[in-house]
């Protein structure tokens, strides 16, 4: 810094005058903490513009190397659009954007979301002679590889929804019939078959070979099956026992859950695999922790058999359950708090429940008089569709 600036004479403080806006007395008016000066005609805009745009000494092209000059020209052309400064005064302000009070054109309007149309007619009808109509059993399941399994008396059939082909997987001896439950493992390759004689058989559907028989775990028909993963299988019997089986080891019965006094009609694992829900003919809904033999929660609000239990796919701690012939309600449970959130009267026996994976909707299947499937919007539980066509109770839904 040049030392000559320190030699300039100090201003004569005797000639200083108080500005007109500065008063020795406190003012009674409050203007906040901002002061905006009014320069008026004291600022010459032309001089200010000239001072901003005049080249500095170090900007003289005589002293700039050719490469630097080329770089500046390229920068001005691409970034500054030919200007030498980013900010400068201008005599004319930019013209404001044109505004219009006219209604927007149709291209600016967001199209309203169309209400989804739910077909009333079935996409496909499959003959199912000799299907067992017993609310203790579960003889229909759809695998992850788009193959439907159905038990018809002593046989299990597989229907491939991709190519429409049907194959017979197995036939059990008369002493084991009828088949009381079927359940696909998550891999879509292995399937568990529950039988009337208390046996549970595991099959590989690609080879149609019997892999293993789980025997001695129940005292009667095995009507409910639920896979936790590809190696843990929960089985429910007609005497209220629930057994968790590890199918990889010889002593497969790794835990027993005791909390029902009658037939186990429905079993479902939560998506996290930590909780198991069971519904029974004793009108109870029990919630089990995978590591405990006693119920985590015991819900006794239903007044009839509970065969429909379904975990919500978008909220891990939400469970729906459906009551039977004299109950006719769908109840929603917070399994973290152990409370009933809502109860909805449906008007007929609730045989099955399924949550939609694509919409916040719940499907319920019913018994007489309509034998219908209802589609509900959650959480309002507004009925948005009702599908008919069955002539008896819709006991099985997958």
Protein backbone atom coordinates (compact mmCIF):
# COMPACT_ATOMS: atom_id res chain seq x y z
CA UNK A 1 0.00 0.00 0.00
CA UNK A 2 1.28 3.50 -0.88
CA UNK A 3 2.44 5.30 2.21
CA UNK A 4 1.47 8.73 0.70
CA UNK A 5 -2.12 8.19 1.70
CA UNK A 6 -1.09 8.74 5.31
CA UNK A 7 0.21 12.27 4.47
CA UNK A 8 -3.20 13.64 3.45
CA UNK A 9 -4.45 16.38 5.85
CA UNK A 10 -7.27 15.46 8.18
CA UNK A 11 -10.63 17.12 7.52
CA UNK A 12 -11.53 20.20 9.54
CA UNK A 13 -14.00 18.82 12.10
CA UNK A 14 -15.14 22.39 12.93
CA UNK A 15 -16.84 22.63 9.57
CA UNK A 16 -18.79 19.40 10.11
CA UNK A 17 -22.52 19.83 10.33
CA UNK A 18 -25.07 17.45 11.74
CA UNK A 19 -27.09 15.87 8.92
CA UNK A 20 -30.69 17.00 8.81
CA UNK A 21 -31.89 13.43 9.46
CA UNK A 22 -29.82 13.15 12.66
CA UNK A 23 -31.56 14.69 15.65
CA UNK A 24 -30.20 15.18 19.14
CA UNK A 25 -33.62 14.41 20.53
CA UNK A 26 -35.03 10.92 20.51
CA UNK A 27 -37.70 10.47 17.88
CA UNK A 28 -41.07 9.03 18.59
CA UNK A 29 -41.33 7.37 15.17
CA UNK A 30 -40.12 3.77 14.67
CA UNK A 31 -38.60 2.89 11.31
CA UNK A 32 -37.16 -0.53 12.25
CA UNK A 33 -33.50 -1.28 11.64
CA UNK A 34 -33.22 -0.27 8.00
CA UNK A 35 -32.05 3.01 6.44
CA UNK A 36 -32.61 3.46 2.71
CA UNK A 37 -31.01 6.68 1.41
CA UNK A 38 -32.73 8.77 -1.21
CA UNK A 39 -29.94 9.87 -3.53
CA UNK A 40 -32.23 11.83 -5.82
CA UNK A 41 -30.31 13.83 -8.44
CA UNK A 42 -26.97 13.61 -6.58
CA UNK A 43 -25.98 10.49 -8.61
CA UNK A 44 -25.11 10.93 -12.25
CA UNK A 45 -25.97 7.62 -13.90
CA UNK A 46 -24.02 8.40 -17.06
CA UNK A 47 -20.79 8.98 -15.13
CA UNK A 48 -21.37 5.82 -13.09
CA UNK A 49 -21.85 3.78 -16.25
CA UNK A 50 -18.72 5.22 -17.81
CA UNK A 51 -16.62 4.50 -14.73
CA UNK A 52 -17.86 0.89 -14.63
CA UNK A 53 -17.18 0.22 -18.30
CA UNK A 54 -13.90 2.07 -18.81
CA UNK A 55 -11.03 -0.42 -19.18
CA UNK A 56 -8.52 -0.67 -16.34
CA UNK A 57 -4.82 -0.27 -16.98
CA UNK A 58 -4.22 -3.99 -16.68
CA UNK A 59 -7.00 -4.62 -19.24
CA UNK A 60 -5.16 -2.81 -22.01
CA UNK A 61 -4.83 -5.09 -25.02
CA UNK A 62 -1.32 -3.73 -25.63
CA UNK A 63 -0.06 -5.48 -22.52
CA UNK A 64 -2.01 -8.75 -22.89
CA UNK A 65 -0.45 -11.79 -24.47
CA UNK A 66 -2.14 -13.26 -27.58
CA UNK A 67 -3.13 -16.44 -25.71
CA UNK A 68 -4.74 -14.45 -22.88
CA UNK A 69 -6.58 -12.25 -25.36
CA UNK A 70 -7.90 -15.35 -27.16
CA UNK A 71 -9.05 -16.81 -23.85
CA UNK A 72 -10.90 -13.59 -22.93
CA UNK A 73 -12.60 -13.49 -26.31
CA UNK A 74 -13.70 -17.10 -25.96
CA UNK A 75 -14.99 -16.42 -22.45
CA UNK A 76 -16.91 -13.36 -23.58
CA UNK A 77 -18.48 -15.22 -26.48
CA UNK A 78 -19.54 -18.28 -24.53
CA UNK A 79 -20.20 -17.05 -20.99
CA UNK A 80 -20.75 -13.29 -21.18
CA UNK A 81 -22.34 -13.21 -24.65
CA UNK A 82 -19.92 -10.56 -25.87
CA UNK A 83 -20.00 -8.31 -22.78
CA UNK A 84 -16.81 -7.27 -20.98
CA UNK A 85 -18.45 -7.21 -17.53
CA UNK A 86 -21.01 -9.32 -15.78
CA UNK A 87 -22.69 -6.35 -14.03
CA UNK A 88 -23.09 -2.91 -15.57
CA UNK A 89 -25.53 -0.02 -15.50
CA UNK A 90 -28.00 0.33 -18.32
CA UNK A 91 -30.17 3.24 -19.32
CA UNK A 92 -33.04 0.90 -20.13
CA UNK A 93 -34.30 -1.69 -17.74
CA UNK A 94 -35.21 -5.03 -19.18
CA UNK A 95 -38.77 -5.26 -20.38
CA UNK A 96 -40.95 -7.23 -17.97
CA UNK A 97 -42.24 -10.63 -18.94
CA UNK A 98 -45.47 -10.48 -20.80
CA UNK A 99 -48.36 -11.32 -18.55
CA UNK A 100 -51.79 -12.41 -19.52
CA UNK A 101 -54.98 -12.77 -17.59
CA UNK A 102 -56.34 -15.22 -20.11
CA UNK A 103 -57.08 -18.79 -19.04
CA UNK A 104 -54.14 -21.19 -19.47
CA UNK A 105 -54.08 -23.31 -22.56
CA UNK A 106 -55.03 -26.97 -22.21
CA UNK A 107 -51.36 -27.97 -22.45
CA UNK A 108 -50.70 -26.28 -19.08
CA UNK A 109 -53.51 -28.07 -17.24
CA UNK A 110 -52.58 -31.19 -15.33
CA UNK A 111 -54.87 -33.98 -16.45
CA UNK A 112 -57.06 -35.33 -13.68
CA UNK A 113 -56.24 -38.85 -12.56
CA UNK A 114 -58.81 -41.19 -14.01
CA UNK A 115 -60.62 -43.47 -11.64
CA UNK A 116 -59.40 -47.01 -12.07
CA UNK A 117 -61.90 -49.29 -13.77
CA UNK A 118 -62.26 -52.67 -12.07
CA UNK A 119 -63.58 -55.34 -14.47
CA UNK A 120 -66.75 -57.08 -13.30
CA UNK A 121 -66.29 -60.21 -15.41
CA UNK A 122 -63.65 -62.87 -14.59
CA UNK A 123 -60.55 -62.96 -16.76
CA UNK A 124 -60.38 -66.74 -16.52
CA UNK A 125 -62.59 -69.48 -15.11
CA UNK A 126 -61.04 -72.80 -14.09
CA UNK A 127 -63.04 -75.94 -13.40
CA UNK A 128 -62.44 -77.24 -9.88
CA UNK A 129 -64.40 -80.47 -9.39
CA UNK A 130 -64.06 -82.17 -6.01
CA UNK A 131 -62.69 -79.04 -4.32
CA UNK A 132 -63.10 -79.43 -0.56
CA UNK A 133 -65.44 -76.80 0.84
CA UNK A 134 -64.26 -76.80 4.45
CA UNK A 135 -63.43 -73.62 6.34
CA UNK A 136 -60.74 -75.48 8.31
CA UNK A 137 -58.64 -76.01 5.17
CA UNK A 138 -56.63 -73.86 2.74
CA UNK A 139 -56.25 -75.59 -0.63
CA UNK A 140 -55.35 -72.70 -2.98
CA UNK A 141 -52.05 -70.82 -3.31
CA UNK A 142 -50.28 -68.77 -6.00
CA UNK A 143 -46.49 -69.06 -6.23
CA UNK A 144 -43.88 -66.42 -6.96
CA UNK A 145 -43.28 -67.91 -10.43
CA UNK A 146 -46.88 -67.28 -11.49
CA UNK A 147 -48.09 -70.85 -10.95
CA UNK A 148 -51.36 -71.58 -9.15
CA UNK A 149 -51.62 -74.72 -7.02
CA UNK A 150 -54.98 -76.24 -6.10
CA UNK A 151 -55.85 -79.39 -4.19
CA UNK A 152 -58.84 -81.37 -5.46
CA UNK A 153 -59.59 -84.16 -3.04
CA UNK A 154 -56.54 -86.50 -3.31
CA UNK A 155 -54.71 -84.63 -6.13
CA UNK A 156 -52.71 -81.41 -6.50
CA UNK A 157 -52.78 -79.58 -9.83
CA UNK A 158 -50.56 -76.76 -11.07
CA UNK A 159 -51.87 -74.15 -13.48
CA UNK A 160 -49.24 -71.99 -15.18
CA UNK A 161 -50.76 -68.53 -15.63
CA UNK A 162 -48.07 -67.55 -18.14
CA UNK A 163 -48.74 -70.20 -20.78
CA UNK A 164 -52.08 -71.57 -19.55
CA UNK A 165 -50.83 -75.15 -19.11
CA UNK A 166 -52.13 -77.49 -16.40
CA UNK A 167 -50.20 -80.39 -14.87
CA UNK A 168 -50.91 -82.89 -12.14
CA UNK A 169 -48.24 -82.77 -9.44
CA UNK A 170 -49.24 -85.69 -7.21
CA UNK A 171 -51.89 -88.06 -5.97
CA UNK A 172 -51.92 -89.15 -2.34
CA UNK A 173 -53.14 -92.56 -1.09
CA UNK A 174 -56.74 -92.83 0.02
CA UNK A 175 -55.62 -93.03 3.64
CA UNK A 176 -54.11 -89.54 3.37
CA UNK A 177 -56.98 -87.90 1.49
CA UNK A 178 -58.30 -85.36 1.26
CA UNK A 179 -55.42 -82.91 0.89
CA UNK A 180 -56.11 -80.16 3.42
CA UNK A 181 -53.59 -77.39 2.62
CA UNK A 182 -51.04 -76.24 0.03
CA UNK A 183 -48.42 -73.50 0.36
CA UNK A 184 -45.61 -72.35 -1.94
CA UNK A 185 -42.16 -71.54 -0.55
CA UNK A 186 -40.95 -68.03 -1.49
CA UNK A 187 -38.60 -69.44 -4.16
CA UNK A 188 -41.57 -70.68 -6.21
CA UNK A 189 -39.92 -74.07 -6.67
CA UNK A 190 -40.85 -75.96 -3.51
CA UNK A 191 -44.33 -76.59 -2.18
CA UNK A 192 -45.70 -77.93 1.11
CA UNK A 193 -48.71 -80.26 1.08
CA UNK A 194 -50.76 -80.76 4.25
CA UNK A 195 -52.77 -83.96 4.51
CA UNK A 196 -55.73 -85.29 6.45
CA UNK A 197 -53.58 -87.90 8.22
CA UNK A 198 -51.44 -85.14 9.87
CA UNK A 199 -48.47 -85.52 7.48
CA UNK A 200 -46.84 -82.60 5.67
CA UNK A 201 -44.92 -83.39 2.47
CA UNK A 202 -42.39 -81.18 0.67
CA UNK A 203 -42.09 -81.42 -3.12
CA UNK A 204 -39.79 -80.00 -5.78
CA UNK A 205 -42.19 -79.03 -8.57
CA UNK A 206 -39.49 -78.91 -11.27
CA UNK A 207 -38.67 -82.59 -10.78
CA UNK A 208 -42.02 -83.62 -9.19
CA UNK A 209 -40.04 -85.44 -6.51
CA UNK A 210 -40.93 -85.84 -2.85
CA UNK A 211 -38.12 -84.25 -0.83
CA UNK A 212 -39.26 -84.86 2.73
CA UNK A 213 -42.18 -85.88 4.93
CA UNK A 214 -42.79 -84.10 8.24
CA UNK A 215 -44.56 -86.61 10.46
CA UNK A 216 -45.60 -86.77 14.10
CA UNK A 217 -46.10 -83.03 14.60
CA UNK A 218 -49.93 -82.98 14.71
CA UNK A 219 -52.69 -85.33 15.81
CA UNK A 220 -55.04 -84.71 12.90
CA UNK A 221 -55.56 -82.79 9.63
CA UNK A 222 -53.08 -79.96 8.93
CA UNK A 223 -55.28 -77.18 7.57
CA UNK A 224 -52.90 -74.18 7.67
CA UNK A 225 -49.36 -73.66 6.36
CA UNK A 226 -47.16 -70.53 6.29
CA UNK A 227 -43.55 -70.15 5.09
CA UNK A 228 -41.36 -67.59 6.87
CA UNK A 229 -38.55 -68.05 4.36
CA UNK A 230 -37.33 -70.94 2.23
CA UNK A 231 -36.58 -73.14 5.23
CA UNK A 232 -38.97 -72.22 8.09
CA UNK A 233 -42.52 -73.57 7.79
CA UNK A 234 -45.31 -73.01 10.33
CA UNK A 235 -48.05 -75.65 10.42
CA UNK A 236 -51.44 -75.40 12.14
CA UNK A 237 -53.56 -78.39 13.18
CA UNK A 238 -57.17 -79.01 14.08
CA UNK A 239 -56.40 -79.30 17.81
CA UNK A 240 -55.02 -75.76 18.18
CA UNK A 241 -51.29 -76.52 17.95
CA UNK A 242 -48.90 -74.43 15.82
CA UNK A 243 -45.45 -75.88 15.09
CA UNK A 244 -42.53 -74.01 13.55
CA UNK A 245 -40.40 -76.39 11.45
CA UNK A 246 -36.89 -75.96 10.10
CA UNK A 247 -37.00 -78.22 7.06
CA UNK A 248 -33.17 -78.31 6.74
CA UNK A 249 -32.56 -80.32 9.90
CA UNK A 250 -33.60 -83.77 11.04
CA UNK A 251 -35.38 -82.64 14.23
CA UNK A 252 -37.46 -80.15 12.26
CA UNK A 253 -39.91 -79.07 15.03
CA UNK A 254 -37.95 -76.14 16.50
CA UNK A 255 -40.77 -74.36 18.38
CA UNK A 256 -44.36 -74.97 19.44
CA UNK A 257 -46.90 -72.17 19.89
CA UNK A 258 -49.78 -72.86 22.27
CA UNK A 259 -52.63 -70.41 22.57
CA UNK A 260 -55.68 -71.80 20.73
CA UNK A 261 -58.22 -74.32 22.01
CA UNK A 262 -59.70 -75.21 18.62
CA UNK A 263 -58.88 -75.54 14.91
CA UNK A 264 -56.22 -73.26 13.44
CA UNK A 265 -57.98 -71.76 10.40
CA UNK A 266 -55.48 -69.11 9.25
CA UNK A 267 -51.71 -68.52 9.53
CA UNK A 268 -49.67 -65.63 8.14
CA UNK A 269 -46.11 -64.39 8.78
CA UNK A 270 -45.40 -60.66 8.73
CA UNK A 271 -43.19 -59.35 5.93
CA UNK A 272 -40.31 -58.78 8.40
CA UNK A 273 -40.54 -62.42 9.54
CA UNK A 274 -40.66 -61.51 13.24
CA UNK A 275 -44.37 -62.04 13.91
CA UNK A 276 -46.89 -64.76 13.12
CA UNK A 277 -50.64 -64.14 13.12
CA UNK A 278 -53.08 -66.99 13.72
CA UNK A 279 -56.86 -67.14 13.58
CA UNK A 280 -58.92 -69.98 14.97
CA UNK A 281 -62.34 -71.50 15.45
CA UNK A 282 -62.11 -70.37 19.08
CA UNK A 283 -62.77 -66.78 17.82
CA UNK A 284 -59.24 -65.66 18.75
CA UNK A 285 -56.52 -63.80 16.87
CA UNK A 286 -53.09 -64.43 18.36
CA UNK A 287 -49.84 -62.60 17.54
CA UNK A 288 -46.66 -64.59 18.12
CA UNK A 289 -43.06 -63.50 18.37
CA UNK A 290 -40.85 -65.90 16.45
CA UNK A 291 -38.74 -66.57 19.57
CA UNK A 292 -41.56 -66.96 22.14
CA UNK A 293 -43.96 -69.85 22.74
CA UNK A 294 -46.66 -67.71 24.36
CA UNK A 295 -48.72 -65.09 22.49
CA UNK A 296 -47.38 -61.57 22.28
CA UNK A 297 -50.99 -60.34 21.93
CA UNK A 298 -54.31 -62.11 22.27
CA UNK A 299 -57.30 -60.45 20.56
CA UNK A 300 -60.75 -61.73 21.50
CA UNK A 301 -62.97 -59.09 19.87
CA UNK A 302 -64.41 -61.37 17.18
CA UNK A 303 -67.62 -63.28 17.92
CA UNK A 304 -67.14 -66.09 15.39
CA UNK A 305 -64.47 -68.22 13.69
CA UNK A 306 -61.48 -66.25 12.35
CA UNK A 307 -59.99 -67.79 9.20
CA UNK A 308 -58.99 -64.54 7.42
CA UNK A 309 -55.78 -62.81 8.59
CA UNK A 310 -53.65 -60.53 6.39
CA UNK A 311 -50.60 -58.33 7.10
CA UNK A 312 -50.49 -54.90 5.50
CA UNK A 313 -47.68 -54.65 2.88
CA UNK A 314 -47.05 -50.91 3.46
CA UNK A 315 -47.24 -50.84 7.29
CA UNK A 316 -45.46 -53.64 9.14
CA UNK A 317 -47.43 -53.40 12.37
CA UNK A 318 -50.91 -53.39 10.78
CA UNK A 319 -52.97 -56.60 10.63
CA UNK A 320 -56.47 -57.16 9.25
CA UNK A 321 -58.70 -60.03 10.40
CA UNK A 322 -62.15 -61.17 9.34
CA UNK A 323 -64.90 -62.77 11.41
CA UNK A 324 -67.13 -65.67 10.40
CA UNK A 325 -70.84 -66.29 9.98
CA UNK A 326 -72.15 -64.50 13.07
CA UNK A 327 -69.42 -61.84 13.24
CA UNK A 328 -69.24 -60.44 9.66
CA UNK A 329 -66.69 -57.75 10.49
CA UNK A 330 -63.19 -56.77 9.39
CA UNK A 331 -61.00 -55.54 12.23
CA UNK A 332 -57.66 -53.72 12.03
CA UNK A 333 -55.01 -54.19 14.71
CA UNK A 334 -51.91 -52.27 15.73
CA UNK A 335 -49.70 -55.16 16.80
CA UNK A 336 -47.08 -52.83 18.29
CA UNK A 337 -49.55 -51.36 20.77
CA UNK A 338 -51.89 -54.35 20.91
CA UNK A 339 -54.98 -52.27 20.10
CA UNK A 340 -57.92 -52.47 17.71
CA UNK A 341 -57.84 -49.49 15.35
CA UNK A 342 -61.12 -49.98 13.52
CA UNK A 343 -63.96 -52.45 12.98
CA UNK A 344 -66.04 -52.48 9.79
CA UNK A 345 -69.33 -54.34 9.38
CA UNK A 346 -69.48 -56.14 6.00
CA UNK A 347 -72.93 -57.74 6.07
CA UNK A 348 -71.76 -61.33 5.48
CA UNK A 349 -69.24 -63.93 6.61
CA UNK A 350 -65.62 -62.91 5.91
CA UNK A 351 -63.79 -65.92 4.45
CA UNK A 352 -60.58 -64.35 3.17
CA UNK A 353 -58.57 -61.11 3.13
CA UNK A 354 -55.89 -59.87 0.73
CA UNK A 355 -54.06 -56.54 0.64
CA UNK A 356 -53.31 -55.05 -2.77
CA UNK A 357 -49.61 -54.67 -3.56
CA UNK A 358 -50.22 -51.74 -5.92
CA UNK A 359 -52.96 -49.69 -4.27
CA UNK A 360 -53.95 -48.90 -0.69
CA UNK A 361 -56.82 -51.31 -0.98
CA UNK A 362 -58.07 -54.47 0.71
CA UNK A 363 -59.97 -57.37 -0.86
CA UNK A 364 -62.39 -59.47 1.16
CA UNK A 365 -64.15 -62.67 0.09
CA UNK A 366 -67.51 -63.59 1.57
CA UNK A 367 -70.15 -66.23 2.09
CA UNK A 368 -73.95 -66.18 1.67
CA UNK A 369 -76.01 -64.48 0.60
CA UNK A 370 -73.96 -62.82 -2.14
CA UNK A 371 -70.79 -64.95 -2.09
CA UNK A 372 -68.99 -61.85 -3.36
CA UNK A 373 -65.51 -60.33 -3.41
CA UNK A 374 -65.41 -56.74 -2.17
CA UNK A 375 -62.72 -54.12 -2.86
CA UNK A 376 -62.23 -51.57 -0.08
CA UNK A 377 -60.25 -48.32 -0.05
CA UNK A 378 -58.01 -48.08 3.00
CA UNK A 379 -58.13 -46.37 5.50
CA UNK A 380 -61.57 -44.93 4.73
CA UNK A 381 -62.92 -48.47 4.06
CA UNK A 382 -65.14 -47.17 1.31
CA UNK A 383 -66.33 -50.01 -0.89
CA UNK A 384 -65.22 -49.24 -4.45
CA UNK A 385 -66.21 -52.48 -6.17
CA UNK A 386 -68.08 -55.72 -5.63
CA UNK A 387 -67.37 -58.78 -7.78
CA UNK A 388 -69.92 -61.56 -8.08
CA UNK A 389 -70.07 -64.86 -9.90
CA UNK A 390 -69.50 -67.54 -7.27
CA UNK A 391 -72.48 -69.62 -6.22
CA UNK A 392 -71.14 -70.64 -2.81
CA UNK A 393 -68.84 -69.25 -0.12
CA UNK A 394 -65.53 -67.92 -1.45
CA UNK A 395 -63.46 -69.83 1.11
CA UNK A 396 -60.11 -69.58 -0.68
CA UNK A 397 -58.44 -66.52 -2.20
CA UNK A 398 -54.85 -65.96 -3.30
